[in-house]
N, C-alpha and C. Protein backbone atom coordinates (compact mmCIF):
# COMPACT_ATOMS: atom_id res chain seq x y z
N MET A 1 -92.90 -7.17 14.90
CA MET A 1 -94.00 -6.81 15.77
C MET A 1 -93.95 -7.70 17.01
N GLN A 2 -94.23 -7.14 18.18
CA GLN A 2 -94.16 -7.90 19.41
C GLN A 2 -95.43 -8.71 19.60
N GLU A 3 -95.24 -9.92 20.11
CA GLU A 3 -96.38 -10.79 20.33
C GLU A 3 -97.04 -10.44 21.66
N THR A 4 -98.34 -10.65 21.71
CA THR A 4 -99.08 -10.40 22.93
C THR A 4 -99.36 -11.74 23.61
N THR A 5 -99.37 -11.75 24.92
CA THR A 5 -99.63 -12.98 25.66
C THR A 5 -101.13 -13.21 25.78
N PRO A 6 -101.56 -14.46 25.99
CA PRO A 6 -102.99 -14.73 26.17
C PRO A 6 -103.59 -13.93 27.34
N ALA A 7 -102.81 -13.76 28.42
CA ALA A 7 -103.31 -12.99 29.57
C ALA A 7 -103.58 -11.54 29.17
N LYS A 8 -102.68 -10.96 28.41
CA LYS A 8 -102.88 -9.57 27.97
C LYS A 8 -104.06 -9.47 27.00
N SER A 9 -104.20 -10.42 26.10
CA SER A 9 -105.31 -10.40 25.14
C SER A 9 -106.65 -10.46 25.87
N ALA A 10 -106.76 -11.34 26.85
CA ALA A 10 -108.00 -11.46 27.62
C ALA A 10 -108.28 -10.18 28.39
N LEU A 11 -107.25 -9.60 28.99
CA LEU A 11 -107.41 -8.36 29.74
C LEU A 11 -107.86 -7.23 28.83
N ARG A 12 -107.30 -7.14 27.64
CA ARG A 12 -107.69 -6.09 26.69
C ARG A 12 -109.18 -6.20 26.34
N ARG A 13 -109.68 -7.41 26.16
CA ARG A 13 -111.11 -7.59 25.86
C ARG A 13 -111.97 -7.07 27.00
N VAL A 14 -111.59 -7.37 28.23
CA VAL A 14 -112.34 -6.90 29.40
C VAL A 14 -112.28 -5.38 29.49
N LEU A 15 -111.10 -4.82 29.28
CA LEU A 15 -110.95 -3.36 29.37
C LEU A 15 -111.77 -2.64 28.31
N ARG A 16 -111.81 -3.16 27.09
CA ARG A 16 -112.63 -2.53 26.04
C ARG A 16 -114.10 -2.53 26.44
N ALA A 17 -114.56 -3.61 27.04
CA ALA A 17 -115.96 -3.72 27.44
C ALA A 17 -116.30 -2.82 28.62
N ASN A 18 -115.31 -2.47 29.43
CA ASN A 18 -115.57 -1.71 30.65
C ASN A 18 -115.10 -0.26 30.61
N ARG A 19 -114.79 0.25 29.42
CA ARG A 19 -114.36 1.64 29.38
C ARG A 19 -115.54 2.56 29.69
N PRO A 20 -115.25 3.76 30.19
CA PRO A 20 -116.33 4.68 30.56
C PRO A 20 -117.16 5.13 29.35
N GLU A 21 -118.39 5.51 29.61
CA GLU A 21 -119.26 6.05 28.56
C GLU A 21 -118.67 7.35 28.04
N LEU A 22 -119.12 7.77 26.85
CA LEU A 22 -118.54 8.94 26.20
C LEU A 22 -118.62 10.20 27.06
N ASP A 23 -119.77 10.46 27.72
CA ASP A 23 -119.88 11.64 28.58
C ASP A 23 -118.83 11.62 29.69
N ALA A 24 -118.63 10.45 30.27
CA ALA A 24 -117.62 10.32 31.33
C ALA A 24 -116.22 10.50 30.76
N GLN A 25 -115.97 9.99 29.55
CA GLN A 25 -114.66 10.17 28.92
C GLN A 25 -114.37 11.65 28.70
N LEU A 26 -115.38 12.40 28.23
CA LEU A 26 -115.18 13.83 27.99
C LEU A 26 -114.93 14.58 29.29
N GLY A 27 -115.70 14.27 30.34
CA GLY A 27 -115.51 14.93 31.63
C GLY A 27 -114.16 14.61 32.25
N GLN A 28 -113.79 13.33 32.22
CA GLN A 28 -112.49 12.95 32.77
C GLN A 28 -111.35 13.54 31.94
N SER A 29 -111.51 13.60 30.63
CA SER A 29 -110.48 14.19 29.77
C SER A 29 -110.24 15.64 30.15
N ALA A 30 -111.30 16.40 30.39
CA ALA A 30 -111.15 17.81 30.79
C ALA A 30 -110.39 17.93 32.10
N ALA A 31 -110.71 17.08 33.07
CA ALA A 31 -110.01 17.11 34.36
C ALA A 31 -108.53 16.76 34.17
N ILE A 32 -108.25 15.75 33.37
CA ILE A 32 -106.87 15.33 33.13
C ILE A 32 -106.08 16.45 32.46
N ARG A 33 -106.67 17.09 31.46
CA ARG A 33 -105.99 18.21 30.78
C ARG A 33 -105.66 19.33 31.77
N GLY A 34 -106.59 19.62 32.68
CA GLY A 34 -106.33 20.64 33.70
C GLY A 34 -105.15 20.28 34.58
N HIS A 35 -105.10 19.04 35.04
CA HIS A 35 -103.98 18.58 35.87
C HIS A 35 -102.67 18.61 35.09
N LEU A 36 -102.72 18.16 33.84
CA LEU A 36 -101.49 18.17 33.03
C LEU A 36 -101.00 19.59 32.76
N ALA A 37 -101.90 20.52 32.50
CA ALA A 37 -101.49 21.91 32.26
C ALA A 37 -100.77 22.47 33.48
N HIS A 38 -101.32 22.22 34.66
CA HIS A 38 -100.69 22.69 35.90
C HIS A 38 -99.33 22.00 36.09
N TRP A 39 -99.30 20.69 35.89
CA TRP A 39 -98.07 19.92 36.07
C TRP A 39 -97.00 20.35 35.08
N LEU A 40 -97.38 20.55 33.82
CA LEU A 40 -96.42 20.96 32.80
C LEU A 40 -95.86 22.36 33.07
N ALA A 41 -96.63 23.21 33.73
CA ALA A 41 -96.13 24.55 34.09
C ALA A 41 -94.93 24.44 35.02
N LEU A 42 -94.81 23.32 35.74
CA LEU A 42 -93.71 23.11 36.68
C LEU A 42 -92.56 22.32 36.08
N HIS A 43 -92.72 21.82 34.85
CA HIS A 43 -91.70 21.00 34.20
C HIS A 43 -91.13 21.73 33.00
N PRO A 44 -89.82 21.66 32.83
CA PRO A 44 -89.17 22.42 31.75
C PRO A 44 -89.24 21.77 30.37
N ALA A 45 -89.82 20.59 30.24
CA ALA A 45 -89.83 19.89 28.94
C ALA A 45 -90.42 20.79 27.87
N LYS A 46 -89.67 20.98 26.81
CA LYS A 46 -90.13 21.83 25.71
C LYS A 46 -90.68 21.02 24.55
N THR A 47 -90.11 19.84 24.28
CA THR A 47 -90.59 18.99 23.20
C THR A 47 -91.37 17.84 23.81
N ILE A 48 -92.67 17.81 23.52
CA ILE A 48 -93.58 16.86 24.16
C ILE A 48 -94.32 16.07 23.10
N ALA A 49 -94.31 14.76 23.27
CA ALA A 49 -95.09 13.88 22.40
C ALA A 49 -96.44 13.64 23.04
N ALA A 50 -97.50 13.94 22.31
CA ALA A 50 -98.86 13.67 22.77
C ALA A 50 -99.45 12.63 21.83
N PHE A 51 -100.77 12.46 21.87
CA PHE A 51 -101.43 11.51 20.98
C PHE A 51 -102.81 12.03 20.64
N VAL A 52 -103.35 11.54 19.53
CA VAL A 52 -104.71 11.87 19.13
C VAL A 52 -105.58 10.70 19.61
N ALA A 53 -106.57 11.00 20.41
CA ALA A 53 -107.38 9.96 21.04
C ALA A 53 -108.19 9.15 20.04
N ILE A 54 -108.29 7.88 20.33
CA ILE A 54 -109.26 7.00 19.69
C ILE A 54 -110.26 6.63 20.78
N PRO A 55 -111.39 5.99 20.46
CA PRO A 55 -112.35 5.64 21.50
C PRO A 55 -111.68 4.91 22.67
N GLY A 56 -111.94 5.40 23.86
CA GLY A 56 -111.35 4.81 25.05
C GLY A 56 -110.06 5.46 25.50
N GLU A 57 -109.66 6.56 24.83
CA GLU A 57 -108.46 7.28 25.24
C GLU A 57 -108.78 8.73 25.57
N VAL A 58 -107.92 9.34 26.35
CA VAL A 58 -108.09 10.72 26.81
C VAL A 58 -107.90 11.68 25.64
N PHE A 59 -108.81 12.64 25.53
CA PHE A 59 -108.80 13.65 24.47
C PHE A 59 -107.85 14.78 24.88
N LEU A 60 -106.66 14.84 24.24
CA LEU A 60 -105.61 15.79 24.62
C LEU A 60 -105.47 17.01 23.73
N LEU A 61 -106.07 17.02 22.54
CA LEU A 61 -105.81 18.11 21.60
C LEU A 61 -106.03 19.51 22.18
N PRO A 62 -107.05 19.75 23.02
CA PRO A 62 -107.17 21.10 23.60
C PRO A 62 -105.98 21.52 24.46
N LEU A 63 -105.29 20.55 25.06
CA LEU A 63 -104.10 20.86 25.86
C LEU A 63 -102.99 21.41 24.96
N ILE A 64 -102.84 20.83 23.79
CA ILE A 64 -101.84 21.28 22.84
C ILE A 64 -102.12 22.73 22.43
N ALA A 65 -103.38 23.02 22.16
CA ALA A 65 -103.76 24.39 21.77
C ALA A 65 -103.56 25.37 22.91
N GLU A 66 -103.75 24.90 24.15
CA GLU A 66 -103.60 25.77 25.32
C GLU A 66 -102.14 26.11 25.61
N LEU A 67 -101.26 25.15 25.40
CA LEU A 67 -99.85 25.33 25.74
C LEU A 67 -99.01 25.47 24.47
N GLN A 68 -99.19 26.58 23.78
CA GLN A 68 -98.51 26.78 22.51
C GLN A 68 -97.05 27.18 22.67
N ASP A 69 -96.59 27.36 23.91
CA ASP A 69 -95.18 27.67 24.13
C ASP A 69 -94.31 26.42 24.08
N ARG A 70 -94.92 25.27 23.92
CA ARG A 70 -94.18 24.01 23.84
C ARG A 70 -94.09 23.56 22.38
N ARG A 71 -93.17 22.67 22.12
CA ARG A 71 -93.00 22.08 20.80
C ARG A 71 -93.71 20.72 20.86
N TRP A 72 -94.84 20.61 20.19
CA TRP A 72 -95.67 19.41 20.25
C TRP A 72 -95.44 18.51 19.05
N VAL A 73 -95.34 17.23 19.32
CA VAL A 73 -95.23 16.24 18.25
C VAL A 73 -96.32 15.18 18.47
N LEU A 74 -96.78 14.63 17.36
CA LEU A 74 -97.80 13.58 17.38
C LEU A 74 -97.30 12.38 16.58
N PRO A 75 -97.74 11.18 16.98
CA PRO A 75 -97.25 9.98 16.29
C PRO A 75 -97.90 9.77 14.93
N ARG A 76 -97.12 9.13 14.07
CA ARG A 76 -97.57 8.74 12.74
C ARG A 76 -97.01 7.34 12.49
N ILE A 77 -97.89 6.39 12.13
CA ILE A 77 -97.47 5.02 11.87
C ILE A 77 -96.91 4.94 10.45
N GLU A 78 -95.71 4.42 10.35
CA GLU A 78 -95.05 4.24 9.05
C GLU A 78 -94.49 2.83 9.02
N GLY A 79 -95.26 1.91 8.43
CA GLY A 79 -94.86 0.51 8.39
C GLY A 79 -94.94 -0.08 9.79
N GLU A 80 -93.83 -0.61 10.27
CA GLU A 80 -93.77 -1.21 11.61
C GLU A 80 -93.28 -0.22 12.66
N THR A 81 -93.03 1.02 12.25
CA THR A 81 -92.50 2.00 13.20
C THR A 81 -93.47 3.15 13.41
N MET A 82 -93.25 3.85 14.48
CA MET A 82 -94.01 5.04 14.80
C MET A 82 -93.01 6.18 14.85
N LYS A 83 -93.25 7.21 14.05
CA LYS A 83 -92.40 8.40 14.05
C LYS A 83 -93.22 9.55 14.58
N PHE A 84 -92.54 10.53 15.13
CA PHE A 84 -93.22 11.69 15.71
C PHE A 84 -92.99 12.90 14.82
N HIS A 85 -94.10 13.57 14.49
CA HIS A 85 -94.07 14.71 13.58
C HIS A 85 -94.48 15.98 14.31
N LEU A 86 -93.79 17.05 14.01
CA LEU A 86 -94.08 18.36 14.57
C LEU A 86 -95.44 18.83 14.07
N VAL A 87 -96.25 19.39 14.98
CA VAL A 87 -97.55 19.92 14.58
C VAL A 87 -97.69 21.36 15.06
N ASP A 88 -98.53 22.09 14.37
CA ASP A 88 -98.87 23.45 14.75
C ASP A 88 -99.81 23.34 15.95
N ALA A 89 -99.38 23.85 17.10
CA ALA A 89 -100.18 23.72 18.32
C ALA A 89 -101.54 24.37 18.19
N ALA A 90 -101.63 25.46 17.45
CA ALA A 90 -102.91 26.16 17.31
C ALA A 90 -103.90 25.36 16.48
N MET A 91 -103.39 24.65 15.46
CA MET A 91 -104.30 23.89 14.60
C MET A 91 -103.53 22.76 13.92
N PRO A 92 -103.37 21.62 14.62
CA PRO A 92 -102.67 20.50 14.00
C PRO A 92 -103.40 20.02 12.75
N ARG A 93 -102.65 19.82 11.67
CA ARG A 93 -103.22 19.27 10.44
C ARG A 93 -103.15 17.75 10.53
N LEU A 94 -104.32 17.11 10.54
CA LEU A 94 -104.39 15.65 10.71
C LEU A 94 -105.15 15.03 9.55
N HIS A 95 -104.88 13.75 9.33
CA HIS A 95 -105.64 12.99 8.34
C HIS A 95 -105.71 11.54 8.82
N PRO A 96 -106.65 10.74 8.28
CA PRO A 96 -106.77 9.35 8.72
C PRO A 96 -105.56 8.52 8.28
N GLY A 97 -105.03 7.76 9.22
CA GLY A 97 -103.91 6.88 8.92
C GLY A 97 -104.31 5.43 9.10
N PRO A 98 -103.33 4.53 9.23
CA PRO A 98 -103.64 3.12 9.45
C PRO A 98 -104.48 2.93 10.71
N PHE A 99 -105.28 1.90 10.71
CA PHE A 99 -106.11 1.54 11.86
C PHE A 99 -107.16 2.61 12.17
N GLY A 100 -107.40 3.56 11.25
CA GLY A 100 -108.39 4.61 11.48
C GLY A 100 -107.93 5.70 12.42
N LEU A 101 -106.64 5.75 12.72
CA LEU A 101 -106.10 6.76 13.63
C LEU A 101 -105.86 8.07 12.90
N ALA A 102 -106.21 9.18 13.55
CA ALA A 102 -105.87 10.49 12.99
C ALA A 102 -104.39 10.73 13.30
N GLU A 103 -103.67 11.19 12.32
CA GLU A 103 -102.24 11.42 12.51
C GLU A 103 -101.79 12.61 11.69
N PRO A 104 -100.58 13.13 11.98
CA PRO A 104 -100.09 14.29 11.24
C PRO A 104 -99.96 13.99 9.75
N MET A 105 -100.04 15.02 8.95
CA MET A 105 -99.86 14.90 7.50
C MET A 105 -98.44 14.38 7.21
N HIS A 106 -98.29 13.69 6.11
CA HIS A 106 -96.99 13.09 5.76
C HIS A 106 -95.90 14.13 5.56
N ASP A 107 -96.28 15.36 5.23
CA ASP A 107 -95.27 16.39 4.99
C ASP A 107 -94.90 17.18 6.25
N SER A 108 -95.49 16.81 7.39
CA SER A 108 -95.10 17.46 8.66
C SER A 108 -93.69 17.03 9.01
N PRO A 109 -92.86 17.95 9.51
CA PRO A 109 -91.47 17.59 9.83
C PRO A 109 -91.38 16.48 10.88
N VAL A 110 -90.49 15.53 10.63
CA VAL A 110 -90.21 14.46 11.60
C VAL A 110 -89.27 15.01 12.65
N VAL A 111 -89.57 14.74 13.91
CA VAL A 111 -88.70 15.14 15.02
C VAL A 111 -87.98 13.89 15.52
N PRO A 112 -86.66 13.88 15.53
CA PRO A 112 -85.93 12.71 16.01
C PRO A 112 -86.35 12.35 17.44
N ILE A 113 -86.47 11.08 17.71
CA ILE A 113 -86.98 10.63 19.01
C ILE A 113 -86.09 11.09 20.16
N ASP A 114 -84.79 11.28 19.89
CA ASP A 114 -83.91 11.71 20.98
C ASP A 114 -84.07 13.19 21.32
N GLU A 115 -84.91 13.92 20.58
CA GLU A 115 -85.22 15.31 20.93
C GLU A 115 -86.46 15.42 21.81
N ILE A 116 -87.19 14.34 21.97
CA ILE A 116 -88.43 14.38 22.75
C ILE A 116 -88.08 14.20 24.22
N GLU A 117 -88.52 15.17 25.03
CA GLU A 117 -88.19 15.17 26.45
C GLU A 117 -89.27 14.53 27.31
N LEU A 118 -90.50 14.52 26.81
CA LEU A 118 -91.63 13.97 27.57
C LEU A 118 -92.57 13.28 26.61
N PHE A 119 -92.95 12.06 26.95
CA PHE A 119 -93.93 11.29 26.18
C PHE A 119 -95.20 11.16 27.00
N LEU A 120 -96.31 11.69 26.49
CA LEU A 120 -97.62 11.46 27.08
C LEU A 120 -98.16 10.22 26.36
N CYS A 121 -98.31 9.14 27.09
CA CYS A 121 -98.59 7.84 26.47
C CYS A 121 -100.00 7.34 26.75
N PRO A 122 -100.70 6.91 25.71
CA PRO A 122 -101.98 6.25 25.92
C PRO A 122 -101.73 4.79 26.30
N GLY A 123 -102.76 4.10 26.69
CA GLY A 123 -102.65 2.68 26.99
C GLY A 123 -104.01 2.11 27.32
N MET A 124 -104.08 0.81 27.35
CA MET A 124 -105.32 0.13 27.74
C MET A 124 -105.49 0.17 29.25
N ALA A 125 -104.36 0.03 29.97
CA ALA A 125 -104.41 0.04 31.44
C ALA A 125 -103.03 0.37 31.99
N PHE A 126 -103.04 0.87 33.24
CA PHE A 126 -101.82 1.25 33.95
C PHE A 126 -101.96 0.83 35.41
N THR A 127 -100.82 0.79 36.11
CA THR A 127 -100.84 0.65 37.57
C THR A 127 -100.24 1.92 38.15
N ARG A 128 -100.46 2.15 39.43
CA ARG A 128 -99.88 3.32 40.10
C ARG A 128 -98.36 3.25 40.14
N SER A 129 -97.82 2.03 40.02
CA SER A 129 -96.36 1.88 40.02
C SER A 129 -95.75 2.08 38.64
N GLY A 130 -96.59 2.36 37.61
CA GLY A 130 -96.08 2.71 36.30
C GLY A 130 -96.16 1.63 35.24
N LYS A 131 -96.70 0.46 35.57
CA LYS A 131 -96.84 -0.56 34.54
C LYS A 131 -97.89 -0.12 33.53
N ARG A 132 -97.67 -0.52 32.28
CA ARG A 132 -98.57 -0.13 31.18
C ARG A 132 -98.73 -1.29 30.22
N ILE A 133 -99.96 -1.48 29.76
CA ILE A 133 -100.15 -2.34 28.60
C ILE A 133 -100.87 -1.52 27.54
N GLY A 134 -100.40 -1.67 26.31
CA GLY A 134 -100.98 -0.94 25.20
C GLY A 134 -102.00 -1.79 24.47
N ARG A 135 -102.20 -1.48 23.22
CA ARG A 135 -103.22 -2.17 22.42
C ARG A 135 -102.70 -3.45 21.78
N GLY A 136 -101.42 -3.75 21.93
CA GLY A 136 -100.91 -5.03 21.48
C GLY A 136 -100.06 -5.03 20.23
N LYS A 137 -99.92 -3.90 19.57
CA LYS A 137 -99.12 -3.86 18.35
C LYS A 137 -97.65 -3.50 18.62
N GLY A 138 -97.35 -2.96 19.80
CA GLY A 138 -95.98 -2.68 20.19
C GLY A 138 -95.38 -1.40 19.66
N TYR A 139 -96.18 -0.53 19.04
CA TYR A 139 -95.61 0.70 18.47
C TYR A 139 -94.98 1.58 19.55
N TYR A 140 -95.69 1.81 20.65
CA TYR A 140 -95.13 2.64 21.71
C TYR A 140 -93.94 1.97 22.36
N ASP A 141 -94.01 0.65 22.57
CA ASP A 141 -92.89 -0.06 23.19
C ASP A 141 -91.62 0.14 22.36
N ARG A 142 -91.72 -0.02 21.06
CA ARG A 142 -90.55 0.14 20.19
C ARG A 142 -90.07 1.59 20.17
N ALA A 143 -91.00 2.54 20.08
CA ALA A 143 -90.60 3.95 20.05
C ALA A 143 -89.93 4.36 21.36
N LEU A 144 -90.53 4.02 22.48
CA LEU A 144 -89.97 4.41 23.77
C LEU A 144 -88.61 3.76 24.02
N ALA A 145 -88.41 2.56 23.51
CA ALA A 145 -87.12 1.88 23.66
C ALA A 145 -86.01 2.67 22.98
N GLY A 146 -86.34 3.47 21.96
CA GLY A 146 -85.34 4.27 21.25
C GLY A 146 -85.17 5.68 21.80
N SER A 147 -85.90 6.02 22.85
CA SER A 147 -85.81 7.38 23.39
C SER A 147 -84.60 7.52 24.32
N ARG A 148 -84.27 8.75 24.65
CA ARG A 148 -83.16 9.01 25.58
C ARG A 148 -83.51 8.48 26.96
N SER A 149 -82.51 8.07 27.71
CA SER A 149 -82.76 7.51 29.05
C SER A 149 -83.34 8.57 29.99
N GLU A 150 -83.03 9.84 29.76
CA GLU A 150 -83.55 10.89 30.65
C GLU A 150 -84.93 11.42 30.23
N SER A 151 -85.45 10.95 29.11
CA SER A 151 -86.81 11.35 28.69
C SER A 151 -87.82 10.79 29.68
N LEU A 152 -88.85 11.58 29.96
CA LEU A 152 -89.89 11.15 30.89
C LEU A 152 -91.05 10.52 30.14
N ARG A 153 -91.70 9.56 30.79
CA ARG A 153 -92.87 8.89 30.24
C ARG A 153 -94.02 9.08 31.23
N ALA A 154 -95.13 9.61 30.74
CA ALA A 154 -96.32 9.81 31.58
C ALA A 154 -97.50 9.10 30.94
N GLY A 155 -98.03 8.11 31.62
CA GLY A 155 -99.24 7.45 31.17
C GLY A 155 -100.43 8.38 31.37
N VAL A 156 -101.36 8.38 30.44
CA VAL A 156 -102.53 9.25 30.51
C VAL A 156 -103.76 8.37 30.35
N CYS A 157 -104.62 8.36 31.38
CA CYS A 157 -105.74 7.42 31.32
C CYS A 157 -106.92 7.83 32.20
N PHE A 158 -108.03 7.16 31.94
CA PHE A 158 -109.23 7.34 32.74
C PHE A 158 -109.11 6.56 34.05
N ARG A 159 -109.88 6.95 35.03
CA ARG A 159 -109.89 6.30 36.34
C ARG A 159 -110.07 4.78 36.22
N GLU A 160 -110.96 4.37 35.32
CA GLU A 160 -111.29 2.95 35.16
C GLU A 160 -110.12 2.14 34.59
N GLN A 161 -109.12 2.81 34.06
CA GLN A 161 -107.98 2.13 33.46
C GLN A 161 -106.82 1.93 34.43
N VAL A 162 -106.97 2.36 35.67
CA VAL A 162 -105.93 2.16 36.68
C VAL A 162 -106.28 0.89 37.45
N LEU A 163 -105.40 -0.08 37.36
CA LEU A 163 -105.62 -1.37 37.99
C LEU A 163 -104.54 -1.64 39.04
N PRO A 164 -104.83 -2.53 39.99
CA PRO A 164 -103.82 -2.82 41.02
C PRO A 164 -102.59 -3.55 40.49
N GLU A 165 -102.77 -4.38 39.46
CA GLU A 165 -101.65 -5.14 38.90
C GLU A 165 -101.93 -5.44 37.44
N LEU A 166 -100.85 -5.62 36.67
CA LEU A 166 -100.95 -5.93 35.24
C LEU A 166 -99.88 -6.94 34.86
N PRO A 167 -100.19 -7.81 33.89
CA PRO A 167 -99.14 -8.67 33.36
C PRO A 167 -98.26 -7.85 32.42
N THR A 168 -96.96 -7.91 32.58
CA THR A 168 -96.06 -7.18 31.70
C THR A 168 -94.95 -8.09 31.21
N ASP A 169 -94.28 -7.64 30.18
CA ASP A 169 -93.16 -8.36 29.59
C ASP A 169 -91.92 -7.48 29.69
N PRO A 170 -90.73 -8.04 29.46
CA PRO A 170 -89.50 -7.24 29.56
C PRO A 170 -89.48 -6.01 28.65
N HIS A 171 -90.16 -6.05 27.50
CA HIS A 171 -90.15 -4.89 26.59
C HIS A 171 -91.12 -3.79 27.02
N ASP A 172 -91.96 -4.04 28.03
CA ASP A 172 -92.93 -3.05 28.50
C ASP A 172 -92.23 -2.06 29.43
N LEU A 173 -91.90 -0.89 28.91
CA LEU A 173 -91.22 0.12 29.73
C LEU A 173 -92.20 0.77 30.69
N PRO A 174 -91.79 0.96 31.95
CA PRO A 174 -92.69 1.58 32.93
C PRO A 174 -92.79 3.09 32.71
N MET A 175 -93.90 3.63 33.17
CA MET A 175 -94.13 5.07 33.14
C MET A 175 -93.49 5.70 34.38
N HIS A 176 -93.04 6.92 34.25
CA HIS A 176 -92.51 7.67 35.40
C HIS A 176 -93.64 8.38 36.15
N PHE A 177 -94.68 8.76 35.41
CA PHE A 177 -95.82 9.48 35.98
C PHE A 177 -97.10 8.89 35.41
N LEU A 178 -98.20 9.14 36.12
CA LEU A 178 -99.51 8.70 35.67
C LEU A 178 -100.49 9.85 35.84
N ALA A 179 -101.11 10.28 34.74
CA ALA A 179 -102.08 11.38 34.76
C ALA A 179 -103.49 10.80 34.66
N THR A 180 -104.30 11.08 35.67
CA THR A 180 -105.69 10.62 35.73
C THR A 180 -106.56 11.82 36.10
N PRO A 181 -107.89 11.64 36.19
CA PRO A 181 -108.75 12.76 36.61
C PRO A 181 -108.46 13.21 38.05
N ASP A 182 -107.70 12.41 38.79
CA ASP A 182 -107.39 12.74 40.18
C ASP A 182 -106.07 13.48 40.34
N GLY A 183 -105.33 13.66 39.25
CA GLY A 183 -104.06 14.38 39.31
C GLY A 183 -102.96 13.66 38.57
N VAL A 184 -101.74 14.19 38.71
CA VAL A 184 -100.56 13.58 38.11
C VAL A 184 -99.76 12.96 39.25
N HIS A 185 -99.60 11.65 39.18
CA HIS A 185 -99.00 10.87 40.24
C HIS A 185 -97.59 10.45 39.84
N ASP A 186 -96.62 10.58 40.74
CA ASP A 186 -95.26 10.13 40.51
C ASP A 186 -95.24 8.62 40.78
N CYS A 187 -94.93 7.84 39.78
CA CYS A 187 -94.99 6.38 39.91
C CYS A 187 -93.89 5.82 40.81
N SER A 188 -92.89 6.60 41.12
CA SER A 188 -91.83 6.10 42.02
C SER A 188 -92.25 6.23 43.49
N GLU A 189 -93.27 7.03 43.76
CA GLU A 189 -93.75 7.20 45.13
C GLU A 189 -94.65 6.03 45.50
N ARG A 190 -94.43 5.50 46.66
CA ARG A 190 -95.27 4.41 47.16
C ARG A 190 -96.36 5.01 48.05
N PRO A 191 -97.61 4.57 47.88
CA PRO A 191 -98.66 5.09 48.74
C PRO A 191 -98.42 4.72 50.19
N ALA A 192 -98.81 5.61 51.08
CA ALA A 192 -98.61 5.37 52.53
C ALA A 192 -99.57 4.33 53.04
């Protein structure tokens, strides 16, 4: 398991205290799903990793149901690793897993990480340049490190989670895109 720095731990405490209220989370989640649906219509990725939201994360499940022409996978924690399991887009079968996270049933087919073309990634905070910090356990860092080099990574977050700068470590892989209530931003583009 990767260690977290004191700076990241302190930042995570502040971010948890400052996350948007539930009504705002639901409203922003709907806007983000709309932007992602439009953006995904322009991208050929067929196998997409999403996530099941916990408090403070964007609610994506309606997007999966809306875009049933894609092959959707969701993470499942297995020991120190995170594996991605195929789910039925119309009605994913989920159950409580470690840390209280809803995850696919154990009998859902595992999809090899090198088959995933796009990762929609949660996080505690992001920057417009693609930096991301997660919750500190390193599951996404380890999983993304094993993905294909051409796989895309898109951070998905609320407006309040976009910060000007973040402390990062060498194992923190940057996002290629950032999806917020304001749209899907290409992290390689520099603002004018």
